[in-house]
Amino acid sequence: QAQLVESGGGLVQAGGSLRLSCAASGRTFSSVAMAWFRLAPWKERKFVAAITWSGSSTYYTDSVKGRFTISRDNAKNTVYLQMNSLKPEDTAIYYCNWGGSRSAGDYDYWGQGTQVTVSS
C-alpha cells in the first residue's frame, strides 16, 4: 500500500529554519522524481520543489529559490526539504509526492502533510 509520511514541521519565528522529511513506501522510490507541495490557508495546493531520481537536478518555485533545498536519500526512501530564512508567507501544510509534475492535480494520493507555521 502506497504511503507518504511527512514530518519535521512546527512553529518557528521568521528567519528561522526547519528540515522536513518524507518517508515513502509502497511504490518505487529510487527511480522516480519526488516533489514537495504546500497548502496555505484558503489557497490551493502549490508546487514548492522537485528532485530527479538521482538527485542530480532540482527545481524550485521562484518564491523559495535560494532559501529552500530539496534532497533525497534513496537508501532510506526519504526526501527532505531544508527550509531556511523562513517567512510568514511560508506558513502552510507541506506534502511530498512521487513524481516531478508541478501540477497538484496530477497526483492521486496525498499523505497527511506536516504543518509549518512561521510567526512574524
PDB file of N, CA and C in Angstrom:
ATOM      1  N   GLN A   1       0.846  -1.182   0.000  1.00  0.00           N
ATOM      2  CA  GLN A   1       0.000   0.000   0.000  1.00  0.00           C
ATOM      3  C   GLN A   1       0.889   1.242   0.000  1.00  0.00           C
ATOM      4  N   ALA A   2       0.618   2.149  -0.912  1.00  0.00           N
ATOM      5  CA  ALA A   2       1.397   3.371  -1.019  1.00  0.00           C
ATOM      6  C   ALA A   2       1.187   4.240   0.215  1.00  0.00           C
ATOM      7  N   GLN A   3       2.287   4.771   0.710  1.00  0.00           N
ATOM      8  CA  GLN A   3       2.197   5.621   1.887  1.00  0.00           C
ATOM      9  C   GLN A   3       3.283   6.684   1.860  1.00  0.00           C
ATOM     10  N   LEU A   4       2.907   7.890   2.243  1.00  0.00           N
ATOM     11  CA  LEU A   4       3.821   9.004   2.389  1.00  0.00           C
ATOM     12  C   LEU A   4       3.632   9.575   3.787  1.00  0.00           C
ATOM     13  N   VAL A   5       4.719   9.676   4.521  1.00  0.00           N
ATOM     14  CA  VAL A   5       4.643  10.190   5.881  1.00  0.00           C
ATOM     15  C   VAL A   5       5.584  11.386   6.002  1.00  0.00           C
ATOM     16  N   GLU A   6       4.985  12.572   6.090  1.00  0.00           N
ATOM     17  CA  GLU A   6       5.756  13.799   6.223  1.00  0.00           C
ATOM     18  C   GLU A   6       5.934  14.141   7.700  1.00  0.00           C
ATOM     19  N   SER A   7       7.076  14.717   8.022  1.00  0.00           N
ATOM     20  CA  SER A   7       7.351  15.097   9.401  1.00  0.00           C
ATOM     21  C   SER A   7       8.343  16.254   9.431  1.00  0.00           C
ATOM     22  N   GLY A   8       8.532  16.822  10.610  1.00  0.00           N
ATOM     23  CA  GLY A   8       9.520  17.877  10.783  1.00  0.00           C
ATOM     24  C   GLY A   8       8.964  19.279  10.858  1.00  0.00           C
ATOM     25  N   GLY A   9       7.673  19.421  10.660  1.00  0.00           N
ATOM     26  CA  GLY A   9       7.067  20.743  10.740  1.00  0.00           C
ATOM     27  C   GLY A   9       7.030  21.256  12.163  1.00  0.00           C
ATOM     28  N   GLY A  10       6.597  22.502  12.298  1.00  0.00           N
ATOM     29  CA  GLY A  10       6.494  23.095  13.623  1.00  0.00           C
ATOM     30  C   GLY A  10       6.293  24.578  13.546  1.00  0.00           C
ATOM     31  N   LEU A  11       6.419  25.224  14.692  1.00  0.00           N
ATOM     32  CA  LEU A  11       6.282  26.674  14.804  1.00  0.00           C
ATOM     33  C   LEU A  11       7.675  27.285  14.907  1.00  0.00           C
ATOM     34  N   VAL A  12       7.942  28.255  14.069  1.00  0.00           N
ATOM     35  CA  VAL A  12       9.258  28.886  14.051  1.00  0.00           C
ATOM     36  C   VAL A  12       9.092  30.375  13.797  1.00  0.00           C
ATOM     37  N   GLN A  13      10.013  31.156  14.301  1.00  0.00           N
ATOM     38  CA  GLN A  13       9.975  32.586  14.048  1.00  0.00           C
ATOM     39  C   GLN A  13      10.517  32.892  12.659  1.00  0.00           C
ATOM     40  N   ALA A  14      10.089  34.010  12.123  1.00  0.00           N
ATOM     41  CA  ALA A  14      10.602  34.447  10.829  1.00  0.00           C
ATOM     42  C   ALA A  14      12.125  34.517  10.877  1.00  0.00           C
ATOM     43  N   GLY A  15      12.744  34.032   9.805  1.00  0.00           N
ATOM     44  CA  GLY A  15      14.195  33.970   9.748  1.00  0.00           C
ATOM     45  C   GLY A  15      14.758  32.640  10.205  1.00  0.00           C
ATOM     46  N   GLY A  16      13.939  31.820  10.808  1.00  0.00           N
ATOM     47  CA  GLY A  16      14.382  30.536  11.318  1.00  0.00           C
ATOM     48  C   GLY A  16      14.425  29.461  10.243  1.00  0.00           C
ATOM     49  N   SER A  17      14.735  28.232  10.684  1.00  0.00           N
ATOM     50  CA  SER A  17      14.880  27.111   9.762  1.00  0.00           C
ATOM     51  C   SER A  17      14.128  25.884  10.254  1.00  0.00           C
ATOM     52  N   LEU A  18      13.745  25.062   9.322  1.00  0.00           N
ATOM     53  CA  LEU A  18      13.163  23.756   9.603  1.00  0.00           C
ATOM     54  C   LEU A  18      13.639  22.789   8.530  1.00  0.00           C
ATOM     55  N   ARG A  19      13.695  21.521   8.893  1.00  0.00           N
ATOM     56  CA  ARG A  19      14.021  20.481   7.925  1.00  0.00           C
ATOM     57  C   ARG A  19      12.881  19.466   7.919  1.00  0.00           C
ATOM     58  N   LEU A  20      12.194  19.379   6.791  1.00  0.00           N
ATOM     59  CA  LEU A  20      11.110  18.434   6.628  1.00  0.00           C
ATOM     60  C   LEU A  20      11.639  17.123   6.059  1.00  0.00           C
ATOM     61  N   SER A  21      10.990  16.039   6.464  1.00  0.00           N
ATOM     62  CA  SER A  21      11.309  14.723   5.933  1.00  0.00           C
ATOM     63  C   SER A  21      10.048  14.071   5.396  1.00  0.00           C
ATOM     64  N   CYS A  22      10.220  13.220   4.420  1.00  0.00           N
ATOM     65  CA  CYS A  22       9.092  12.472   3.864  1.00  0.00           C
ATOM     66  C   CYS A  22       9.556  11.048   3.624  1.00  0.00           C
ATOM     67  N   ALA A  23       8.979  10.125   4.356  1.00  0.00           N
ATOM     68  CA  ALA A  23       9.284   8.708   4.189  1.00  0.00           C
ATOM     69  C   ALA A  23       8.259   8.089   3.256  1.00  0.00           C
ATOM     70  N   ALA A  24       8.729   7.499   2.180  1.00  0.00           N
ATOM     71  CA  ALA A  24       7.840   6.925   1.174  1.00  0.00           C
ATOM     72  C   ALA A  24       7.920   5.408   1.196  1.00  0.00           C
ATOM     73  N   SER A  25       6.796   4.763   0.985  1.00  0.00           N
ATOM     74  CA  SER A  25       6.768   3.299   0.918  1.00  0.00           C
ATOM     75  C   SER A  25       5.630   2.854   0.022  1.00  0.00           C
ATOM     76  N   GLY A  26       5.714   1.623  -0.437  1.00  0.00           N
ATOM     77  CA  GLY A  26       4.651   1.046  -1.236  1.00  0.00           C
ATOM     78  C   GLY A  26       4.750   1.300  -2.726  1.00  0.00           C
ATOM     79  N   ARG A  27       5.650   2.165  -3.137  1.00  0.00           N
ATOM     80  CA  ARG A  27       5.895   2.419  -4.553  1.00  0.00           C
ATOM     81  C   ARG A  27       7.398   2.551  -4.746  1.00  0.00           C
ATOM     82  N   THR A  28       7.813   2.356  -5.988  1.00  0.00           N
ATOM     83  CA  THR A  28       9.224   2.511  -6.302  1.00  0.00           C
ATOM     84  C   THR A  28       9.664   3.923  -5.966  1.00  0.00           C
ATOM     85  N   PHE A  29      10.780   4.036  -5.257  1.00  0.00           N
ATOM     86  CA  PHE A  29      11.248   5.358  -4.843  1.00  0.00           C
ATOM     87  C   PHE A  29      12.493   5.769  -5.609  1.00  0.00           C
ATOM     88  N   SER A  30      13.476   4.892  -5.670  1.00  0.00           N
ATOM     89  CA  SER A  30      14.792   5.287  -6.149  1.00  0.00           C
ATOM     90  C   SER A  30      14.834   5.622  -7.625  1.00  0.00           C
ATOM     91  N   SER A  31      13.819   5.258  -8.397  1.00  0.00           N
ATOM     92  CA  SER A  31      13.861   5.513  -9.836  1.00  0.00           C
ATOM     93  C   SER A  31      12.857   6.568 -10.275  1.00  0.00           C
ATOM     94  N   VAL A  32      12.260   7.276  -9.329  1.00  0.00           N
ATOM     95  CA  VAL A  32      11.288   8.297  -9.685  1.00  0.00           C
ATOM     96  C   VAL A  32      11.650   9.639  -9.052  1.00  0.00           C
ATOM     97  N   ALA A  33      11.217  10.701  -9.708  1.00  0.00           N
ATOM     98  CA  ALA A  33      11.377  12.024  -9.129  1.00  0.00           C
ATOM     99  C   ALA A  33      10.463  12.167  -7.914  1.00  0.00           C
ATOM    100  N   MET A  34      10.780  13.109  -7.068  1.00  0.00           N
ATOM    101  CA  MET A  34       9.949  13.406  -5.899  1.00  0.00           C
ATOM    102  C   MET A  34       9.718  14.912  -5.840  1.00  0.00           C
ATOM    103  N   ALA A  35       8.598  15.292  -5.273  1.00  0.00           N
ATOM    104  CA  ALA A  35       8.238  16.704  -5.214  1.00  0.00           C
ATOM    105  C   ALA A  35       7.656  17.071  -3.857  1.00  0.00           C
ATOM    106  N   TRP A  36       7.776  18.329  -3.519  1.00  0.00           N
ATOM    107  CA  TRP A  36       7.125  18.909  -2.344  1.00  0.00           C
ATOM    108  C   TRP A  36       6.091  19.930  -2.810  1.00  0.00           C
ATOM    109  N   PHE A  37       4.961  19.942  -2.139  1.00  0.00           N
ATOM    110  CA  PHE A  37       3.910  20.913  -2.357  1.00  0.00           C
ATOM    111  C   PHE A  37       3.535  21.525  -1.015  1.00  0.00           C
ATOM    112  N   ARG A  38       2.786  22.629  -1.059  1.00  0.00           N
ATOM    113  CA  ARG A  38       2.270  23.206   0.180  1.00  0.00           C
ATOM    114  C   ARG A  38       0.870  23.744  -0.039  1.00  0.00           C
ATOM    115  N   LEU A  39       0.117  23.700   1.044  1.00  0.00           N
ATOM    116  CA  LEU A  39      -1.264  24.163   1.032  1.00  0.00           C
ATOM    117  C   LEU A  39      -1.413  25.209   2.117  1.00  0.00           C
ATOM    118  N   ALA A  40      -1.543  26.453   1.685  1.00  0.00           N
ATOM    119  CA  ALA A  40      -1.705  27.558   2.621  1.00  0.00           C
ATOM    120  C   ALA A  40      -3.186  27.778   2.894  1.00  0.00           C
ATOM    121  N   PRO A  41      -3.507  28.385   4.035  1.00  0.00           N
ATOM    122  CA  PRO A  41      -4.918  28.630   4.370  1.00  0.00           C
ATOM    123  C   PRO A  41      -5.650  29.364   3.254  1.00  0.00           C
ATOM    124  N   TRP A  42      -6.798  28.883   2.893  1.00  0.00           N
ATOM    125  CA  TRP A  42      -7.687  29.475   1.899  1.00  0.00           C
ATOM    126  C   TRP A  42      -7.070  29.547   0.500  1.00  0.00           C
ATOM    127  N   LYS A  43      -6.076  28.689   0.245  1.00  0.00           N
ATOM    128  CA  LYS A  43      -5.463  28.668  -1.072  1.00  0.00           C
ATOM    129  C   LYS A  43      -5.394  27.236  -1.578  1.00  0.00           C
ATOM    130  N   GLU A  44      -5.021  27.054  -2.831  1.00  0.00           N
ATOM    131  CA  GLU A  44      -4.894  25.714  -3.390  1.00  0.00           C
ATOM    132  C   GLU A  44      -3.482  25.188  -3.169  1.00  0.00           C
ATOM    133  N   ARG A  45      -3.350  23.865  -3.284  1.00  0.00           N
ATOM    134  CA  ARG A  45      -2.042  23.241  -3.087  1.00  0.00           C
ATOM    135  C   ARG A  45      -1.101  23.631  -4.231  1.00  0.00           C
ATOM    136  N   LYS A  46       0.104  24.063  -3.889  1.00  0.00           N
ATOM    137  CA  LYS A  46       1.023  24.549  -4.904  1.00  0.00           C
ATOM    138  C   LYS A  46       2.389  23.882  -4.825  1.00  0.00           C
ATOM    139  N   PHE A  47       3.023  23.801  -5.962  1.00  0.00           N
ATOM    140  CA  PHE A  47       4.351  23.217  -6.096  1.00  0.00           C
ATOM    141  C   PHE A  47       5.390  24.036  -5.335  1.00  0.00           C
ATOM    142  N   VAL A  48       6.320  23.344  -4.690  1.00  0.00           N
ATOM    143  CA  VAL A  48       7.403  24.013  -3.986  1.00  0.00           C
ATOM    144  C   VAL A  48       8.747  23.636  -4.598  1.00  0.00           C
ATOM    145  N   ALA A  49       8.998  22.324  -4.717  1.00  0.00           N
ATOM    146  CA  ALA A  49      10.299  21.877  -5.192  1.00  0.00           C
ATOM    147  C   ALA A  49      10.196  20.451  -5.701  1.00  0.00           C
ATOM    148  N   ALA A  50      11.140  20.074  -6.567  1.00  0.00           N
ATOM    149  CA  ALA A  50      11.205  18.708  -7.068  1.00  0.00           C
ATOM    150  C   ALA A  50      12.658  18.311  -7.255  1.00  0.00           C
ATOM    151  N   ILE A  51      12.886  17.000  -7.263  1.00  0.00           N
ATOM    152  CA  ILE A  51      14.232  16.473  -7.427  1.00  0.00           C
ATOM    153  C   ILE A  51      14.156  15.229  -8.295  1.00  0.00           C
ATOM    154  N   THR A  52      15.093  15.074  -9.201  1.00  0.00           N
ATOM    155  CA  THR A  52      15.124  13.904 -10.068  1.00  0.00           C
ATOM    156  C   THR A  52      15.489  12.657  -9.273  1.00  0.00           C
ATOM    157  N   TRP A  53      15.309  11.486  -9.886  1.00  0.00           N
ATOM    158  CA  TRP A  53      15.519  10.244  -9.166  1.00  0.00           C
ATOM    159  C   TRP A  53      16.944  10.127  -8.639  1.00  0.00           C
ATOM    160  N   SER A  54      17.898  10.658  -9.376  1.00  0.00           N
ATOM    161  CA  SER A  54      19.301  10.540  -8.970  1.00  0.00           C
ATOM    162  C   SER A  54      19.725  11.663  -8.034  1.00  0.00           C
ATOM    163  N   GLY A  55      18.906  12.688  -7.960  1.00  0.00           N
ATOM    164  CA  GLY A  55      19.282  13.847  -7.156  1.00  0.00           C
ATOM    165  C   GLY A  55      20.158  14.834  -7.897  1.00  0.00           C
ATOM    166  N   SER A  56      20.403  14.578  -9.171  1.00  0.00           N
ATOM    167  CA  SER A  56      21.339  15.418  -9.929  1.00  0.00           C
ATOM    168  C   SER A  56      20.732  16.762 -10.328  1.00  0.00           C
ATOM    169  N   SER A  57      19.408  16.824 -10.369  1.00  0.00           N
ATOM    170  CA  SER A  57      18.747  18.076 -10.739  1.00  0.00           C
ATOM    171  C   SER A  57      17.633  18.399  -9.752  1.00  0.00           C
ATOM    172  N   THR A  58      17.513  19.679  -9.463  1.00  0.00           N
ATOM    173  CA  THR A  58      16.465  20.143  -8.553  1.00  0.00           C
ATOM    174  C   THR A  58      15.747  21.340  -9.164  1.00  0.00           C
ATOM    175  N   TYR A  59      14.506  21.548  -8.741  1.00  0.00           N
ATOM    176  CA  TYR A  59      13.668  22.599  -9.293  1.00  0.00           C
ATOM    177  C   TYR A  59      12.906  23.241  -8.146  1.00  0.00           C
ATOM    178  N   TYR A  60      12.708  24.554  -8.248  1.00  0.00           N
ATOM    179  CA  TYR A  60      12.043  25.289  -7.177  1.00  0.00           C
ATOM    180  C   TYR A  60      11.083  26.323  -7.735  1.00  0.00           C
ATOM    181  N   THR A  61      10.025  26.575  -6.993  1.00  0.00           N
ATOM    182  CA  THR A  61       9.203  27.706  -7.326  1.00  0.00           C
ATOM    183  C   THR A  61       9.978  28.966  -6.970  1.00  0.00           C
ATOM    184  N   ASP A  62       9.706  30.044  -7.671  1.00  0.00           N
ATOM    185  CA  ASP A  62      10.522  31.251  -7.536  1.00  0.00           C
ATOM    186  C   ASP A  62      10.584  31.780  -6.101  1.00  0.00           C
ATOM    187  N   SER A  63       9.501  31.670  -5.383  1.00  0.00           N
ATOM    188  CA  SER A  63       9.428  32.279  -4.054  1.00  0.00           C
ATOM    189  C   SER A  63      10.334  31.604  -3.016  1.00  0.00           C
ATOM    190  N   VAL A  64      10.829  30.417  -3.306  1.00  0.00           N
ATOM    191  CA  VAL A  64      11.674  29.721  -2.325  1.00  0.00           C
ATOM    192  C   VAL A  64      13.116  29.540  -2.803  1.00  0.00           C
ATOM    193  N   LYS A  65      13.396  29.953  -4.006  1.00  0.00           N
ATOM    194  CA  LYS A  65      14.756  29.799  -4.540  1.00  0.00           C
ATOM    195  C   LYS A  65      15.760  30.544  -3.651  1.00  0.00           C
ATOM    196  N   GLY A  66      16.864  29.872  -3.358  1.00  0.00           N
ATOM    197  CA  GLY A  66      17.887  30.462  -2.501  1.00  0.00           C
ATOM    198  C   GLY A  66      17.629  30.273  -1.019  1.00  0.00           C
ATOM    199  N   ARG A  67      16.428  29.814  -0.650  1.00  0.00           N
ATOM    200  CA  ARG A  67      16.107  29.616   0.762  1.00  0.00           C
ATOM    201  C   ARG A  67      15.846  28.145   1.090  1.00  0.00           C
ATOM    202  N   PHE A  68      15.230  27.423   0.163  1.00  0.00           N
ATOM    203  CA  PHE A  68      14.886  26.013   0.376  1.00  0.00           C
ATOM    204  C   PHE A  68      15.817  25.122  -0.439  1.00  0.00           C
ATOM    205  N   THR A  69      16.098  23.937   0.092  1.00  0.00           N
ATOM    206  CA  THR A  69      16.893  22.950  -0.614  1.00  0.00           C
ATOM    207  C   THR A  69      16.237  21.580  -0.492  1.00  0.00           C
ATOM    208  N   ILE A  70      15.959  20.968  -1.630  1.00  0.00           N
ATOM    209  CA  ILE A  70      15.402  19.621  -1.651  1.00  0.00           C
ATOM    210  C   ILE A  70      16.544  18.627  -1.848  1.00  0.00           C
ATOM    211  N   SER A  71      16.451  17.509  -1.155  1.00  0.00           N
ATOM    212  CA  SER A  71      17.456  16.452  -1.288  1.00  0.00           C
ATOM    213  C   SER A  71      16.778  15.112  -1.036  1.00  0.00           C
ATOM    214  N   ARG A  72      17.500  14.034  -1.283  1.00  0.00           N
ATOM    215  CA  ARG A  72      16.913  12.714  -1.086  1.00  0.00           C
ATOM    216  C   ARG A  72      17.981  11.718  -0.682  1.00  0.00           C
ATOM    217  N   ASP A  73      17.533  10.648  -0.028  1.00  0.00           N
ATOM    218  CA  ASP A  73      18.382   9.530   0.329  1.00  0.00           C
ATOM    219  C   ASP A  73      17.672   8.281  -0.172  1.00  0.00           C
ATOM    220  N   ASN A  74      18.083   7.766  -1.306  1.00  0.00           N
ATOM    221  CA  ASN A  74      17.390   6.618  -1.896  1.00  0.00           C
ATOM    222  C   ASN A  74      17.532   5.354  -1.056  1.00  0.00           C
ATOM    223  N   ALA A  75      18.583   5.263  -0.287  1.00  0.00           N
ATOM    224  CA  ALA A  75      18.749   4.096   0.586  1.00  0.00           C
ATOM    225  C   ALA A  75      17.720   4.090   1.710  1.00  0.00           C
ATOM    226  N   LYS A  76      17.229   5.258   2.060  1.00  0.00           N
ATOM    227  CA  LYS A  76      16.237   5.377   3.137  1.00  0.00           C
ATOM    228  C   LYS A  76      14.839   5.671   2.616  1.00  0.00           C
ATOM    229  N   ASN A  77      14.673   5.723   1.296  1.00  0.00           N
ATOM    230  CA  ASN A  77      13.368   6.055   0.702  1.00  0.00           C
ATOM    231  C   ASN A  77      12.797   7.338   1.311  1.00  0.00           C
ATOM    232  N   THR A  78      13.653   8.322   1.438  1.00  0.00           N
ATOM    233  CA  THR A  78      13.264   9.560   2.103  1.00  0.00           C
ATOM    234  C   THR A  78      13.698  10.768   1.285  1.00  0.00           C
ATOM    235  N   VAL A  79      12.819  11.750   1.223  1.00  0.00           N
ATOM    236  CA  VAL A  79      13.128  13.029   0.595  1.00  0.00           C
ATOM    237  C   VAL A  79      13.028  14.110   1.665  1.00  0.00           C
ATOM    238  N   TYR A  80      13.885  15.117   1.543  1.00  0.00           N
ATOM    239  CA  TYR A  80      13.968  16.174   2.553  1.00  0.00           C
ATOM    240  C   TYR A  80      13.709  17.533   1.931  1.00  0.00           C
ATOM    241  N   LEU A  81      13.338  18.472   2.782  1.00  0.00           N
ATOM    242  CA  LEU A  81      13.224  19.862   2.371  1.00  0.00           C
ATOM    243  C   LEU A  81      13.810  20.713   3.492  1.00  0.00           C
ATOM    244  N   GLN A  82      14.986  21.243   3.231  1.00  0.00           N
ATOM    245  CA  GLN A  82      15.625  22.155   4.177  1.00  0.00           C
ATOM    246  C   GLN A  82      15.116  23.552   3.893  1.00  0.00           C
ATOM    247  N   MET A  83      14.530  24.178   4.894  1.00  0.00           N
ATOM    248  CA  MET A  83      13.934  25.490   4.711  1.00  0.00           C
ATOM    249  C   MET A  83      14.640  26.479   5.621  1.00  0.00           C
ATOM    250  N   ASN A  84      15.276  27.452   5.008  1.00  0.00           N
ATOM    251  CA  ASN A  84      15.989  28.493   5.743  1.00  0.00           C
ATOM    252  C   ASN A  84      15.355  29.856   5.487  1.00  0.00           C
ATOM    253  N   SER A  85      15.693  30.805   6.310  1.00  0.00           N
ATOM    254  CA  SER A  85      15.170  32.169   6.157  1.00  0.00           C
ATOM    255  C   SER A  85      13.663  32.168   5.970  1.00  0.00           C
ATOM    256  N   LEU A  86      12.990  31.450   6.815  1.00  0.00           N
ATOM    257  CA  LEU A  86      11.548  31.291   6.675  1.00  0.00           C
ATOM    258  C   LEU A  86      10.813  32.610   6.857  1.00  0.00           C
ATOM    259  N   LYS A  87       9.709  32.731   6.126  1.00  0.00           N
ATOM    260  CA  LYS A  87       8.884  33.933   6.145  1.00  0.00           C
ATOM    261  C   LYS A  87       7.460  33.541   6.559  1.00  0.00           C
ATOM    262  N   PRO A  88       6.705  34.488   7.086  1.00  0.00           N
ATOM    263  CA  PRO A  88       5.312  34.165   7.442  1.00  0.00           C
ATOM    264  C   PRO A  88       4.516  33.588   6.266  1.00  0.00           C
ATOM    265  N   GLU A  89       4.812  34.023   5.071  1.00  0.00           N
ATOM    266  CA  GLU A  89       4.081  33.513   3.900  1.00  0.00           C
ATOM    267  C   GLU A  89       4.444  32.076   3.549  1.00  0.00           C
ATOM    268  N   ASP A  90       5.413  31.504   4.224  1.00  0.00           N
ATOM    269  CA  ASP A  90       5.724  30.081   4.047  1.00  0.00           C
ATOM    270  C   ASP A  90       4.806  29.197   4.895  1.00  0.00           C
ATOM    271  N   THR A  91       4.000  29.810   5.736  1.00  0.00           N
ATOM    272  CA  THR A  91       3.078  29.057   6.569  1.00  0.00           C
ATOM    273  C   THR A  91       2.121  28.243   5.703  1.00  0.00           C
ATOM    274  N   ALA A  92       2.100  26.943   5.931  1.00  0.00           N
ATOM    275  CA  ALA A  92       1.284  26.041   5.124  1.00  0.00           C
ATOM    276  C   ALA A  92       1.436  24.615   5.647  1.00  0.00           C
ATOM    277  N   ILE A  93       0.607  23.741   5.123  1.00  0.00           N
ATOM    278  CA  ILE A  93       0.823  22.311   5.321  1.00  0.00           C
ATOM    279  C   ILE A  93       1.663  21.835   4.132  1.00  0.00           C
ATOM    280  N   TYR A  94       2.741  21.134   4.423  1.00  0.00           N
ATOM    281  CA  TYR A  94       3.664  20.690   3.385  1.00  0.00           C
ATOM    282  C   TYR A  94       3.480  19.194   3.121  1.00  0.00           C
ATOM    283  N   TYR A  95       3.440  18.866   1.841  1.00  0.00           N
ATOM    284  CA  TYR A  95       3.240  17.496   1.387  1.00  0.00           C
ATOM    285  C   TYR A  95       4.328  17.100   0.400  1.00  0.00           C
ATOM    286  N   CYS A  96       4.666  15.825   0.390  1.00  0.00           N
ATOM    287  CA  CYS A  96       5.551  15.307  -0.643  1.00  0.00           C
ATOM    288  C   CYS A  96       4.763  14.347  -1.533  1.00  0.00           C
ATOM    289  N   ASN A  97       5.350  14.006  -2.682  1.00  0.00           N
ATOM    290  CA  ASN A  97       4.704  13.037  -3.549  1.00  0.00           C
ATOM    291  C   ASN A  97       5.700  12.463  -4.543  1.00  0.00           C
ATOM    292  N   TRP A  98       5.334  11.315  -5.087  1.00  0.00           N
ATOM    293  CA  TRP A  98       6.136  10.709  -6.150  1.00  0.00           C
ATOM    294  C   TRP A  98       5.875  11.450  -7.450  1.00  0.00           C
ATOM    295  N   GLY A  99       6.938  11.776  -8.193  1.00  0.00           N
ATOM    296  CA  GLY A  99       6.757  12.413  -9.475  1.00  0.00           C
ATOM    297  C   GLY A  99       7.321  13.816  -9.489  1.00  0.00           C
ATOM    298  N   GLY A 100       7.498  14.351 -10.691  1.00  0.00           N
ATOM    299  CA  GLY A 100       8.068  15.673 -10.820  1.00  0.00           C
ATOM    300  C   GLY A 100       7.124  16.715 -11.376  1.00  0.00           C
ATOM    301  N   SER A 101       5.856  16.361 -11.539  1.00  0.00           N
ATOM    302  CA  SER A 101       4.906  17.334 -12.065  1.00  0.00           C
ATOM    303  C   SER A 101       4.700  18.486 -11.088  1.00  0.00           C
ATOM    304  N   ARG A 102       4.523  19.680 -11.646  1.00  0.00           N
ATOM    305  CA  ARG A 102       4.267  20.866 -10.818  1.00  0.00           C
ATOM    306  C   ARG A 102       2.779  21.090 -10.586  1.00  0.00           C
ATOM    307  N   SER A 103       1.952  20.235 -11.157  1.00  0.00           N
ATOM    308  CA  SER A 103       0.510  20.365 -11.017  1.00  0.00           C
ATOM    309  C   SER A 103      -0.015  19.400  -9.969  1.00  0.00           C
ATOM    310  N   ALA A 104      -0.620  19.931  -8.915  1.00  0.00           N
ATOM    311  CA  ALA A 104      -1.134  19.078  -7.848  1.00  0.00           C
ATOM    312  C   ALA A 104      -2.216  18.132  -8.356  1.00  0.00           C
ATOM    313  N   GLY A 105      -2.924  18.537  -9.390  1.00  0.00           N
ATOM    314  CA  GLY A 105      -3.983  17.705  -9.940  1.00  0.00           C
ATOM    315  C   GLY A 105      -3.503  16.431 -10.612  1.00  0.00           C
ATOM    316  N   ASP A 106      -2.211  16.334 -10.851  1.00  0.00           N
ATOM    317  CA  ASP A 106      -1.648  15.140 -11.491  1.00  0.00           C
ATOM    318  C   ASP A 106      -1.407  14.007 -10.504  1.00  0.00           C
ATOM    319  N   TYR A 107      -1.609  14.253  -9.227  1.00  0.00           N
ATOM    320  CA  TYR A 107      -1.325  13.253  -8.200  1.00  0.00           C
ATOM    321  C   TYR A 107      -2.626  12.694  -7.640  1.00  0.00           C
ATOM    322  N   ASP A 108      -2.639  11.377  -7.423  1.00  0.00           N
ATOM    323  CA  ASP A 108      -3.879  10.734  -6.987  1.00  0.00           C
ATOM    324  C   ASP A 108      -3.865  10.352  -5.516  1.00  0.00           C
ATOM    325  N   TYR A 109      -2.778  10.614  -4.840  1.00  0.00           N
ATOM    326  CA  TYR A 109      -2.696  10.236  -3.431  1.00  0.00           C
ATOM    327  C   TYR A 109      -1.860  11.292  -2.691  1.00  0.00           C
ATOM    328  N   TRP A 110      -2.292  11.602  -1.476  1.00  0.00           N
ATOM    329  CA  TRP A 110      -1.547  12.545  -0.637  1.00  0.00           C
ATOM    330  C   TRP A 110      -1.456  11.980   0.775  1.00  0.00           C
ATOM    331  N   GLY A 111      -0.332  12.243   1.405  1.00  0.00           N
ATOM    332  CA  GLY A 111      -0.191  11.873   2.802  1.00  0.00           C
ATOM    333  C   GLY A 111      -0.891  12.893   3.688  1.00  0.00           C
ATOM    334  N   GLN A 112      -0.607  12.845   4.970  1.00  0.00           N
ATOM    335  CA  GLN A 112      -1.288  13.753   5.904  1.00  0.00           C
ATOM    336  C   GLN A 112      -0.632  15.121   5.953  1.00  0.00           C
ATOM    337  N   GLY A 113       0.589  15.228   5.443  1.00  0.00           N
ATOM    338  CA  GLY A 113       1.291  16.501   5.452  1.00  0.00           C
ATOM    339  C   GLY A 113       1.859  16.839   6.820  1.00  0.00           C
ATOM    340  N   THR A 114       2.649  17.904   6.855  1.00  0.00           N
ATOM    341  CA  THR A 114       3.209  18.397   8.103  1.00  0.00           C
ATOM    342  C   THR A 114       3.037  19.917   8.142  1.00  0.00           C
ATOM    343  N   GLN A 115       2.549  20.423   9.257  1.00  0.00           N
ATOM    344  CA  GLN A 115       2.223  21.838   9.379  1.00  0.00           C
ATOM    345  C   GLN A 115       3.469  22.651   9.687  1.00  0.00           C
ATOM    346  N   VAL A 116       3.664  23.705   8.924  1.00  0.00           N
ATOM    347  CA  VAL A 116       4.727  24.680   9.172  1.00  0.00           C
ATOM    348  C   VAL A 116       4.068  26.021   9.434  1.00  0.00           C
ATOM    349  N   THR A 117       4.392  26.601  10.569  1.00  0.00           N
ATOM    350  CA  THR A 117       3.852  27.900  10.935  1.00  0.00           C
ATOM    351  C   THR A 117       5.010  28.835  11.238  1.00  0.00           C
ATOM    352  N   VAL A 118       5.053  29.955  10.534  1.00  0.00           N
ATOM    353  CA  VAL A 118       6.122  30.938  10.708  1.00  0.00           C
ATOM    354  C   VAL A 118       5.517  32.207  11.279  1.00  0.00           C
ATOM    355  N   SER A 119       5.964  32.569  12.451  1.00  0.00           N
ATOM    356  CA  SER A 119       5.443  33.768  13.101  1.00  0.00           C
ATOM    357  C   SER A 119       6.319  34.968  12.766  1.00  0.00           C
ATOM    358  N   SER A 120       5.668  36.121  12.734  1.00  0.00           N
ATOM    359  CA  SER A 120       6.403  37.354  12.389  1.00  0.00           C
ATOM    360  C   SER A 120       6.973  38.022  13.623  1.00  0.00           C
TER     361      SER A 120
END
